[in-house]
């Protein structure tokens, strides 16, 4: 018998009336059963978060920092156990799952550091005009209120961490909704928060179904929404609550540009290896995985076979196997969608250079060339292990090709030219430009987010804290400045 996992309501572990199964996308085995909150329990969690907001905002920084440090340490201690859990419920190869746990360790540690230095205040003299003589403005940040954090399945621990840790650091109560396909990793965070001295009601982790999400989104007691997921759902949320503060980290179709100066054999080998690895890591289910390669015409013919060889070297199979590079997608339905997009592109004239085969929820690492611009795979986020490669005549054409997309999350530019790096930073319509590497690089302390249809706002611990708070000015009068 598999025990049913309780959820976390206002800091305590409880169960509801129903439960659902979490199964492995690799072999369909039962990973766990998760209890589902009732409507009354959801109401209790939201009411508790709303009620505790002033108390939590006034909690001393050292209390919040100590709690975050504790979670960071405990995640590190339980790395192997949690990595195996991520791999089981998500299908992520265990070596990548270990990396995800390591990143969550860093997120909570960084949040502890920010909790100690955030909101220190900025003093501004107001006697620059006669009417402000003897006056000083002191600016501090205060939480906007309770946060609704909605996390996706592809990084089921770390993207939950990116909702919870900044909220705790800022003193904002949080209701976390993990993805229905992968709730177990998010519930682990509750196990560790429960070991701390945070106020009751300051956090809840509720594995509710997606069809119950609109009621939470609409609840006026949750004035801040932090959502990571699809473009369609993210903008539907924002449109439904125009007076709320929404941070949306949405999709992308990350481009890796290889400029003409990146031309030695060592350069091209490095670029091909990085492109192959990060078009397929997490099964391609990352918003910043490499989906498009745009290569200068002078290096295209030498780079393309290297990319194909590097992609074919990716080891696919059982995600629990230490040697596996590419596991299954999150579901067979997701793999069928990827299959249909590739088939459409090939039927329209694209060249299939490797891959293109599906087995259950697994899709073989795939490279396409000469893909027509109007095919789905050219226009949308594939969110699977598929890579398209195109030729560009010079830097301007390459940068224009990157920008020829409704998305703008991150881009990678392989170049040794510092001036080209700064031109890329100016020209590319994205939230982040990575020089000398793929667009898939993310440090958890840096501002992370996109432009165009890739979202609004920024994650990265301090930047999320700024999104969760607002500035309040205190004017002091009659001072001898």
Protein backbone atom coordinates (compact mmCIF):
# COMPACT_ATOMS: atom_id res chain seq x y z
CA UNK A 1 0.00 0.00 0.00
CA UNK A 2 1.24 3.50 -0.86
CA UNK A 3 0.62 6.04 1.87
CA UNK A 4 -1.13 9.29 0.99
CA UNK A 5 0.96 12.43 1.22
CA UNK A 6 -0.62 15.19 3.27
CA UNK A 7 -0.42 18.81 2.18
CA UNK A 8 0.48 21.90 4.17
CA UNK A 9 -2.23 24.26 5.43
CA UNK A 10 -1.10 27.33 7.36
CA UNK A 11 2.06 25.56 8.47
CA UNK A 12 0.49 22.27 9.56
CA UNK A 13 0.12 18.96 7.76
CA UNK A 14 -3.45 17.93 6.93
CA UNK A 15 -5.39 15.76 4.50
CA UNK A 16 -8.56 16.36 2.51
CA UNK A 17 -11.36 14.07 1.42
CA UNK A 18 -9.90 13.02 -1.95
CA UNK A 19 -6.50 12.05 -3.34
CA UNK A 20 -4.84 11.59 -6.71
CA UNK A 21 -2.01 9.42 -8.03
CA UNK A 22 1.38 10.72 -9.15
CA UNK A 23 2.89 8.38 -11.73
CA UNK A 24 6.26 8.17 -13.46
CA UNK A 25 6.25 9.35 -17.09
CA UNK A 26 9.01 6.81 -17.78
CA UNK A 27 7.26 3.57 -16.84
CA UNK A 28 3.88 4.57 -15.43
CA UNK A 29 4.63 3.25 -11.95
CA UNK A 30 2.94 4.82 -8.95
CA UNK A 31 5.26 7.34 -7.29
CA UNK A 32 2.84 8.52 -4.63
CA UNK A 33 -0.71 9.50 -3.71
CA UNK A 34 -1.39 13.10 -2.76
CA UNK A 35 -4.29 14.37 -0.71
CA UNK A 36 -6.37 17.16 -2.25
CA UNK A 37 -7.54 20.17 -0.21
CA UNK A 38 -11.25 20.75 0.07
CA UNK A 39 -12.72 24.15 -0.78
CA UNK A 40 -13.06 24.83 2.96
CA UNK A 41 -9.37 24.03 3.50
CA UNK A 42 -8.31 26.32 0.66
CA UNK A 43 -10.40 29.08 2.22
CA UNK A 44 -8.76 28.46 5.58
CA UNK A 45 -5.28 28.75 4.04
CA UNK A 46 -6.08 32.01 2.24
CA UNK A 47 -7.76 33.49 5.32
CA UNK A 48 -4.74 32.58 7.44
CA UNK A 49 -2.30 34.15 4.98
CA UNK A 50 -4.38 37.33 4.87
CA UNK A 51 -4.70 37.50 8.64
CA UNK A 52 -0.99 37.04 9.33
CA UNK A 53 0.29 39.52 6.75
CA UNK A 54 1.05 42.36 9.18
CA UNK A 55 2.65 40.06 11.73
CA UNK A 56 4.79 38.38 9.11
CA UNK A 57 5.90 41.67 7.58
CA UNK A 58 7.07 42.77 11.03
CA UNK A 59 8.95 39.53 11.74
CA UNK A 60 12.62 40.33 12.48
CA UNK A 61 14.93 39.75 9.55
CA UNK A 62 17.05 37.30 11.55
CA UNK A 63 14.01 35.04 12.09
CA UNK A 64 13.20 34.88 8.39
CA UNK A 65 16.87 34.47 7.47
CA UNK A 66 17.34 31.64 9.97
CA UNK A 67 14.35 29.80 8.53
CA UNK A 68 15.67 30.15 4.99
CA UNK A 69 19.16 29.04 6.03
CA UNK A 70 17.60 26.01 7.70
CA UNK A 71 15.72 24.99 4.55
CA UNK A 72 18.88 25.42 2.49
CA UNK A 73 20.89 23.17 4.81
CA UNK A 74 18.19 20.51 5.00
CA UNK A 75 17.80 20.39 1.22
CA UNK A 76 21.55 19.82 0.93
CA UNK A 77 21.39 17.02 3.51
CA UNK A 78 18.57 15.30 1.62
CA UNK A 79 19.94 15.85 -1.89
CA UNK A 80 19.99 12.25 -3.07
CA UNK A 81 16.54 11.42 -1.71
CA UNK A 82 14.98 14.52 -3.26
CA UNK A 83 16.79 14.06 -6.58
CA UNK A 84 15.41 10.54 -6.84
CA UNK A 85 11.93 11.89 -6.11
CA UNK A 86 12.22 14.58 -8.80
CA UNK A 87 13.43 12.00 -11.28
CA UNK A 88 10.57 9.64 -10.44
CA UNK A 89 7.70 12.11 -10.70
CA UNK A 90 9.11 14.30 -13.47
CA UNK A 91 11.13 11.87 -15.62
CA UNK A 92 14.23 14.06 -15.36
CA UNK A 93 17.54 12.15 -15.50
CA UNK A 94 18.82 11.84 -11.96
CA UNK A 95 22.06 13.68 -12.72
CA UNK A 96 20.04 16.73 -13.79
CA UNK A 97 17.75 16.29 -10.77
CA UNK A 98 20.75 16.52 -8.45
CA UNK A 99 21.66 19.77 -10.12
CA UNK A 100 18.14 21.06 -9.53
CA UNK A 101 18.38 20.29 -5.82
CA UNK A 102 21.71 22.10 -5.70
CA UNK A 103 20.13 25.15 -7.27
CA UNK A 104 17.28 25.13 -4.74
CA UNK A 105 19.88 24.96 -1.97
CA UNK A 106 21.38 28.14 -3.43
CA UNK A 107 18.00 29.87 -3.81
CA UNK A 108 17.18 29.49 -0.12
CA UNK A 109 20.71 30.50 0.89
CA UNK A 110 20.58 33.58 -1.34
CA UNK A 111 17.15 34.45 0.09
CA UNK A 112 18.55 34.22 3.62
CA UNK A 113 21.31 36.65 2.65
CA UNK A 114 18.83 39.05 1.02
CA UNK A 115 16.51 38.89 4.05
CA UNK A 116 19.34 40.30 6.15
CA UNK A 117 20.15 43.23 3.87
CA UNK A 118 16.89 43.97 2.03
CA UNK A 119 14.81 46.99 3.02
CA UNK A 120 17.72 48.80 4.63
CA UNK A 121 16.24 52.16 3.63
CA UNK A 122 17.47 55.00 1.48
CA UNK A 123 17.73 58.55 2.81
CA UNK A 124 17.12 61.44 0.41
CA UNK A 125 17.61 65.13 1.19
CA UNK A 126 14.57 67.19 0.26
CA UNK A 127 16.14 70.62 0.82
CA UNK A 128 17.12 70.89 -2.84
CA UNK A 129 14.33 73.49 -3.00
CA UNK A 130 13.41 76.02 -0.33
CA UNK A 131 10.10 74.29 0.46
CA UNK A 132 11.97 71.19 1.56
CA UNK A 133 14.35 72.86 4.00
CA UNK A 134 14.92 70.69 7.08
CA UNK A 135 13.21 67.67 5.48
CA UNK A 136 14.58 64.19 4.82
CA UNK A 137 12.83 61.32 3.02
CA UNK A 138 13.46 57.76 4.13
CA UNK A 139 12.29 55.06 1.73
CA UNK A 140 11.62 51.47 2.79
CA UNK A 141 9.89 48.53 1.12
CA UNK A 142 6.86 46.73 2.52
CA UNK A 143 5.04 43.59 1.27
CA UNK A 144 2.07 44.19 -1.00
CA UNK A 145 0.28 41.34 0.75
CA UNK A 146 0.01 37.58 0.42
CA UNK A 147 1.47 35.98 -2.69
CA UNK A 148 -0.09 33.26 -4.83
CA UNK A 149 2.80 31.26 -6.31
CA UNK A 150 1.92 28.96 -9.23
CA UNK A 151 4.75 26.62 -10.24
CA UNK A 152 5.24 24.38 -13.31
CA UNK A 153 6.26 20.74 -13.65
CA UNK A 154 9.61 21.10 -15.40
CA UNK A 155 11.63 22.20 -12.35
CA UNK A 156 9.29 20.93 -9.64
CA UNK A 157 11.57 21.83 -6.73
CA UNK A 158 13.58 24.84 -7.85
CA UNK A 159 10.74 26.81 -9.38
CA UNK A 160 8.73 26.26 -6.20
CA UNK A 161 11.79 27.55 -4.33
CA UNK A 162 11.77 30.66 -6.54
CA UNK A 163 8.23 31.42 -5.34
CA UNK A 164 8.61 30.55 -1.65
CA UNK A 165 12.09 31.79 -0.75
CA UNK A 166 11.71 35.42 -1.93
CA UNK A 167 8.29 35.66 -0.27
CA UNK A 168 9.65 34.48 3.07
CA UNK A 169 12.66 36.76 2.73
CA UNK A 170 10.41 39.76 2.08
CA UNK A 171 7.96 38.89 4.85
CA UNK A 172 5.08 38.18 2.48
CA UNK A 173 2.79 35.20 3.25
CA UNK A 174 2.60 32.73 0.37
CA UNK A 175 0.15 30.16 -0.95
CA UNK A 176 2.09 27.78 -3.23
CA UNK A 177 0.30 25.76 -5.89
CA UNK A 178 2.67 23.12 -7.28
CA UNK A 179 2.02 21.53 -10.67
CA UNK A 180 -0.50 18.64 -10.51
CA UNK A 181 1.90 16.34 -12.37
CA UNK A 182 4.75 16.95 -9.90
CA UNK A 183 3.47 17.98 -6.46
CA UNK A 184 5.73 15.80 -4.32
CA UNK A 185 8.86 17.90 -4.75
CA UNK A 186 7.00 21.06 -3.71
CA UNK A 187 5.56 19.35 -0.65
CA UNK A 188 9.13 18.57 0.46
CA UNK A 189 9.65 22.32 0.96
CA UNK A 190 6.77 22.21 3.43
CA UNK A 191 8.48 19.42 5.38
CA UNK A 192 11.45 21.72 5.91
CA UNK A 193 9.57 24.97 6.54
CA UNK A 194 7.63 23.16 9.26
CA UNK A 195 10.90 22.70 11.13
CA UNK A 196 11.32 26.49 11.44
CA UNK A 197 9.82 29.22 13.65
CA UNK A 198 7.93 31.08 10.93
CA UNK A 199 4.47 32.32 12.00
CA UNK A 200 1.55 29.95 11.50
CA UNK A 201 -0.38 30.97 8.42
CA UNK A 202 2.60 32.53 6.67
CA UNK A 203 2.83 29.67 4.20
CA UNK A 204 0.67 26.90 2.73
CA UNK A 205 1.32 24.37 -0.04
CA UNK A 206 -1.91 23.35 -1.73
CA UNK A 207 -1.90 20.68 -4.50
CA UNK A 208 -5.18 21.78 -6.07
CA UNK A 209 -6.13 20.94 -9.65
CA UNK A 210 -5.71 23.50 -12.42
CA UNK A 211 -9.45 23.96 -12.80
CA UNK A 212 -9.58 25.32 -9.25
CA UNK A 213 -6.85 27.87 -9.91
CA UNK A 214 -9.12 30.69 -11.20
CA UNK A 215 -10.83 31.03 -7.82
CA UNK A 216 -7.45 31.54 -6.13
CA UNK A 217 -6.37 33.97 -8.84
CA UNK A 218 -9.52 36.04 -8.35
CA UNK A 219 -9.30 36.15 -4.55
CA UNK A 220 -8.63 39.75 -3.53
CA UNK A 221 -6.79 38.61 -0.41
CA UNK A 222 -3.96 37.45 -2.70
CA UNK A 223 -2.87 40.72 -4.36
CA UNK A 224 0.35 39.34 -5.86
CA UNK A 225 0.54 36.48 -8.36
CA UNK A 226 3.80 34.86 -9.41
CA UNK A 227 3.21 32.45 -12.28
CA UNK A 228 5.62 30.30 -14.27
CA UNK A 229 4.13 28.40 -17.18
CA UNK A 230 2.63 28.78 -20.63
CA UNK A 231 2.04 32.03 -22.46
CA UNK A 232 -1.67 31.26 -22.91
CA UNK A 233 -2.35 30.62 -19.23
CA UNK A 234 -0.11 33.42 -17.98
CA UNK A 235 -1.76 36.16 -20.00
CA UNK A 236 -5.22 34.77 -19.23
CA UNK A 237 -4.36 35.22 -15.54
CA UNK A 238 -3.15 38.78 -16.06
CA UNK A 239 -6.18 39.70 -18.16
CA UNK A 240 -8.54 38.33 -15.52
CA UNK A 241 -7.04 40.40 -12.68
CA UNK A 242 -5.82 43.67 -14.22
CA UNK A 243 -5.56 45.42 -10.84
CA UNK A 244 -3.31 42.78 -9.28
CA UNK A 245 0.46 42.67 -9.49
CA UNK A 246 1.45 39.75 -11.74
CA UNK A 247 4.92 38.41 -12.36
CA UNK A 248 4.80 36.10 -15.38
CA UNK A 249 7.73 33.91 -16.42
CA UNK A 250 6.45 32.38 -19.63
CA UNK A 251 7.76 30.56 -22.67
CA UNK A 252 10.59 31.03 -25.10
CA UNK A 253 12.21 29.51 -28.16
CA UNK A 254 15.80 30.17 -27.18
CA UNK A 255 18.26 30.97 -29.94
CA UNK A 256 21.98 30.24 -30.00
CA UNK A 257 23.84 32.43 -32.47
CA UNK A 258 27.25 31.33 -33.75
CA UNK A 259 29.04 34.30 -35.33
CA UNK A 260 31.73 34.11 -37.99
CA UNK A 261 34.64 34.78 -35.65
CA UNK A 262 33.81 31.65 -33.65
CA UNK A 263 35.54 29.57 -36.28
CA UNK A 264 38.31 27.34 -34.91
CA UNK A 265 37.77 23.60 -34.60
CA UNK A 266 37.86 23.97 -30.82
CA UNK A 267 35.30 26.80 -30.98
CA UNK A 268 32.88 24.80 -33.10
CA UNK A 269 33.31 21.63 -31.06
CA UNK A 270 32.51 23.57 -27.88
CA UNK A 271 29.49 25.29 -29.43
CA UNK A 272 28.12 22.02 -30.84
CA UNK A 273 28.53 20.21 -27.52
CA UNK A 274 26.83 22.95 -25.54
CA UNK A 275 24.02 23.26 -28.09
CA UNK A 276 23.39 19.50 -28.13
CA UNK A 277 23.43 19.23 -24.35
CA UNK A 278 21.12 22.16 -23.71
CA UNK A 279 18.64 21.47 -26.46
CA UNK A 280 18.01 18.11 -24.80
CA UNK A 281 18.55 18.59 -21.07
CA UNK A 282 15.33 18.14 -19.09
CA UNK A 283 13.99 16.54 -22.29
CA UNK A 284 14.01 20.01 -23.83
CA UNK A 285 11.40 21.02 -21.25
CA UNK A 286 13.05 24.26 -20.21
CA UNK A 287 11.98 27.76 -21.21
CA UNK A 288 15.59 28.55 -22.09
CA UNK A 289 16.58 25.30 -23.77
CA UNK A 290 18.16 25.76 -27.20
CA UNK A 291 15.42 25.50 -29.81
CA UNK A 292 17.01 27.51 -32.62
CA UNK A 293 20.60 27.66 -33.87
CA UNK A 294 21.44 30.59 -36.14
CA UNK A 295 24.88 30.12 -37.63
CA UNK A 296 26.87 32.53 -39.75
CA UNK A 297 27.17 31.27 -43.32
CA UNK A 298 30.96 31.11 -42.98
CA UNK A 299 30.78 28.45 -40.23
CA UNK A 300 27.42 26.79 -40.95
CA UNK A 301 28.71 23.87 -43.04
CA UNK A 302 31.37 22.98 -40.46
CA UNK A 303 29.07 23.42 -37.46
CA UNK A 304 26.02 21.48 -38.63
CA UNK A 305 27.58 17.99 -38.74
CA UNK A 306 29.18 18.61 -35.36
CA UNK A 307 25.78 19.44 -33.89
CA UNK A 308 24.20 16.33 -35.38
CA UNK A 309 27.00 14.13 -34.03
CA UNK A 310 26.77 15.71 -30.58
CA UNK A 311 23.00 15.26 -30.49
CA UNK A 312 23.32 11.62 -31.54
CA UNK A 313 25.78 11.12 -28.67
CA UNK A 314 23.11 12.06 -26.11
CA UNK A 315 22.17 8.94 -24.14
CA UNK A 316 18.43 8.41 -23.87
CA UNK A 317 16.63 6.03 -21.54
CA UNK A 318 15.71 5.34 -17.93
CA UNK A 319 15.99 8.60 -15.95
CA UNK A 320 17.12 6.71 -12.85
CA UNK A 321 20.21 5.48 -14.73
CA UNK A 322 23.34 7.50 -13.98
CA UNK A 323 24.35 7.47 -17.64
CA UNK A 324 21.10 8.85 -19.04
CA UNK A 325 21.22 12.32 -20.56
CA UNK A 326 17.66 12.52 -21.92
CA UNK A 327 14.62 11.03 -20.24
CA UNK A 328 10.95 11.10 -21.22
CA UNK A 329 8.73 14.11 -21.53
CA UNK A 330 6.25 14.71 -18.74
CA UNK A 331 3.54 12.69 -20.50
CA UNK A 332 2.79 10.75 -23.65
CA UNK A 333 0.44 13.54 -24.67
CA UNK A 334 3.35 16.00 -24.59
CA UNK A 335 5.48 13.66 -26.71
CA UNK A 336 2.67 13.24 -29.23
CA UNK A 337 2.42 17.01 -29.59
CA UNK A 338 6.17 17.28 -30.28
CA UNK A 339 5.89 14.42 -32.79
CA UNK A 340 3.07 16.19 -34.63
CA UNK A 341 5.03 19.44 -34.89
CA UNK A 342 8.11 17.69 -36.28
CA UNK A 343 5.99 15.72 -38.75
CA UNK A 344 4.35 18.96 -39.89
CA UNK A 345 7.73 20.61 -40.45
CA UNK A 346 9.08 17.65 -42.44
CA UNK A 347 5.94 17.53 -44.56
CA UNK A 348 6.44 21.23 -45.30
CA UNK A 349 10.00 20.63 -46.55
CA UNK A 350 12.27 20.61 -43.49
CA UNK A 351 15.20 18.20 -43.53
CA UNK A 352 15.23 15.68 -40.66
CA UNK A 353 18.92 15.12 -39.86
CA UNK A 354 18.52 12.87 -36.83
CA UNK A 355 15.81 11.73 -34.42
CA UNK A 356 12.16 12.21 -35.23
CA UNK A 357 10.94 9.08 -33.44
CA UNK A 358 8.62 8.67 -30.47
CA UNK A 359 8.21 5.77 -28.07
CA UNK A 360 5.55 6.36 -25.44
CA UNK A 361 6.40 9.55 -23.56
CA UNK A 362 9.96 9.59 -24.95
CA UNK A 363 10.96 11.51 -28.06
CA UNK A 364 14.36 11.03 -29.66
CA UNK A 365 16.71 14.04 -29.71
CA UNK A 366 16.02 15.66 -33.07
CA UNK A 367 17.74 18.10 -35.44
CA UNK A 368 15.95 19.82 -38.32
CA UNK A 369 17.34 22.09 -41.03
CA UNK A 370 15.70 24.23 -43.68
CA UNK A 371 12.54 24.58 -41.60
CA UNK A 372 9.90 26.80 -43.26
CA UNK A 373 9.28 29.96 -41.25
CA UNK A 374 5.52 29.46 -41.07
CA UNK A 375 5.56 26.01 -39.46
CA UNK A 376 4.43 25.60 -35.87
CA UNK A 377 7.88 24.55 -34.70
CA UNK A 378 9.34 27.80 -36.08
CA UNK A 379 6.76 29.99 -34.38
CA UNK A 380 5.97 28.33 -31.05
CA UNK A 381 7.86 26.91 -28.08
CA UNK A 382 8.42 23.21 -28.75
CA UNK A 383 9.21 22.31 -25.10
CA UNK A 384 10.80 19.07 -26.25
CA UNK A 385 14.17 17.72 -27.46
CA UNK A 386 14.04 19.32 -30.91
CA UNK A 387 16.53 21.71 -32.49
CA UNK A 388 16.31 23.70 -35.70
CA UNK A 389 19.43 25.03 -37.49
CA UNK A 390 19.47 27.90 -39.96
CA UNK A 391 22.06 29.89 -41.90
CA UNK A 392 22.50 33.67 -41.58
CA UNK A 393 24.50 36.04 -43.78
CA UNK A 394 26.32 38.12 -41.20
CA UNK A 395 25.72 39.49 -37.74
CA UNK A 396 22.83 41.79 -38.59
CA UNK A 397 20.90 38.99 -40.28
CA UNK A 398 21.59 36.65 -37.35
CA UNK A 399 20.32 39.14 -34.79
CA UNK A 400 17.27 39.89 -36.93
CA UNK A 401 16.52 36.16 -37.02
CA UNK A 402 16.65 35.99 -33.22
CA UNK A 403 14.20 38.88 -32.99
CA UNK A 404 11.86 37.36 -35.56
CA UNK A 405 9.86 35.70 -32.81
CA UNK A 406 6.98 36.57 -30.53
CA UNK A 407 9.16 35.38 -27.64
CA UNK A 408 12.09 37.12 -25.98
CA UNK A 409 13.42 35.23 -22.97
CA UNK A 410 17.17 34.65 -23.43
CA UNK A 411 19.66 34.26 -26.26
CA UNK A 412 23.19 32.91 -26.47
CA UNK A 413 25.86 34.37 -28.74
CA UNK A 414 29.07 32.49 -29.49
CA UNK A 415 31.66 35.14 -30.26
CA UNK A 416 35.09 36.31 -29.08
CA UNK A 417 34.44 39.89 -30.15
CA UNK A 418 33.68 42.14 -27.19
CA UNK A 419 32.18 44.78 -29.45
CA UNK A 420 29.87 42.16 -30.96
CA UNK A 421 28.85 41.16 -27.44
CA UNK A 422 27.78 44.73 -26.68
CA UNK A 423 26.02 45.02 -30.03
CA UNK A 424 24.12 41.83 -29.20
CA UNK A 425 23.16 43.21 -25.80
CA UNK A 426 21.75 46.31 -27.48
CA UNK A 427 20.09 44.63 -30.47
CA UNK A 428 18.53 41.44 -29.15
CA UNK A 429 14.96 41.74 -27.87
CA UNK A 430 15.33 39.37 -24.95
CA UNK A 431 15.57 39.50 -21.18
CA UNK A 432 19.11 38.08 -21.08
CA UNK A 433 22.05 37.67 -23.45
CA UNK A 434 24.69 35.03 -22.69
CA UNK A 435 28.03 35.46 -24.47
CA UNK A 436 30.17 32.46 -25.34
CA UNK A 437 27.49 29.96 -24.35
CA UNK A 438 23.90 28.83 -24.90
CA UNK A 439 20.82 30.78 -23.73
CA UNK A 440 20.18 28.07 -21.14
CA UNK A 441 22.48 29.53 -18.50
CA UNK A 442 20.74 30.90 -15.42
CA UNK A 443 22.23 31.90 -12.10
CA UNK A 444 19.54 32.01 -9.45
CA UNK A 445 20.55 35.45 -8.14
CA UNK A 446 20.45 37.22 -11.51
CA UNK A 447 17.34 38.95 -12.89
CA UNK A 448 15.51 36.38 -14.98
CA UNK A 449 12.53 37.01 -17.23
CA UNK A 450 11.58 38.06 -20.70
CA UNK A 451 10.02 40.60 -23.02
CA UNK A 452 7.33 40.34 -25.69
CA UNK A 453 5.27 37.17 -25.08
CA UNK A 454 7.86 35.74 -22.66
CA UNK A 455 6.34 37.53 -19.69
CA UNK A 456 6.58 40.51 -17.37
CA UNK A 457 8.57 41.12 -14.22
CA UNK A 458 11.70 39.36 -13.07
CA UNK A 459 12.61 36.41 -10.92
CA UNK A 460 15.96 35.97 -9.21
CA UNK A 461 15.71 36.30 -5.45
CA UNK A 462 16.20 40.04 -4.90
CA UNK A 463 14.24 40.95 -8.02
CA UNK A 464 11.30 38.79 -6.99
CA UNK A 465 11.40 40.43 -3.55
CA UNK A 466 11.10 43.81 -5.23
CA UNK A 467 8.08 42.54 -7.19
CA UNK A 468 6.45 41.34 -3.95
CA UNK A 469 6.94 44.69 -2.18
CA UNK A 470 6.36 48.40 -2.74
CA UNK A 471 8.17 51.57 -1.71
CA UNK A 472 6.79 53.64 1.15
CA UNK A 473 8.28 57.05 1.89
CA UNK A 474 8.68 58.53 5.37
CA UNK A 475 9.26 62.31 5.42
CA UNK A 476 11.00 63.68 8.49
CA UNK A 477 10.58 67.39 9.23
CA UNK A 478 12.53 70.01 11.18
CA UNK A 479 15.94 68.38 10.85
CA UNK A 480 19.29 70.15 10.85
CA UNK A 481 20.67 68.63 7.68
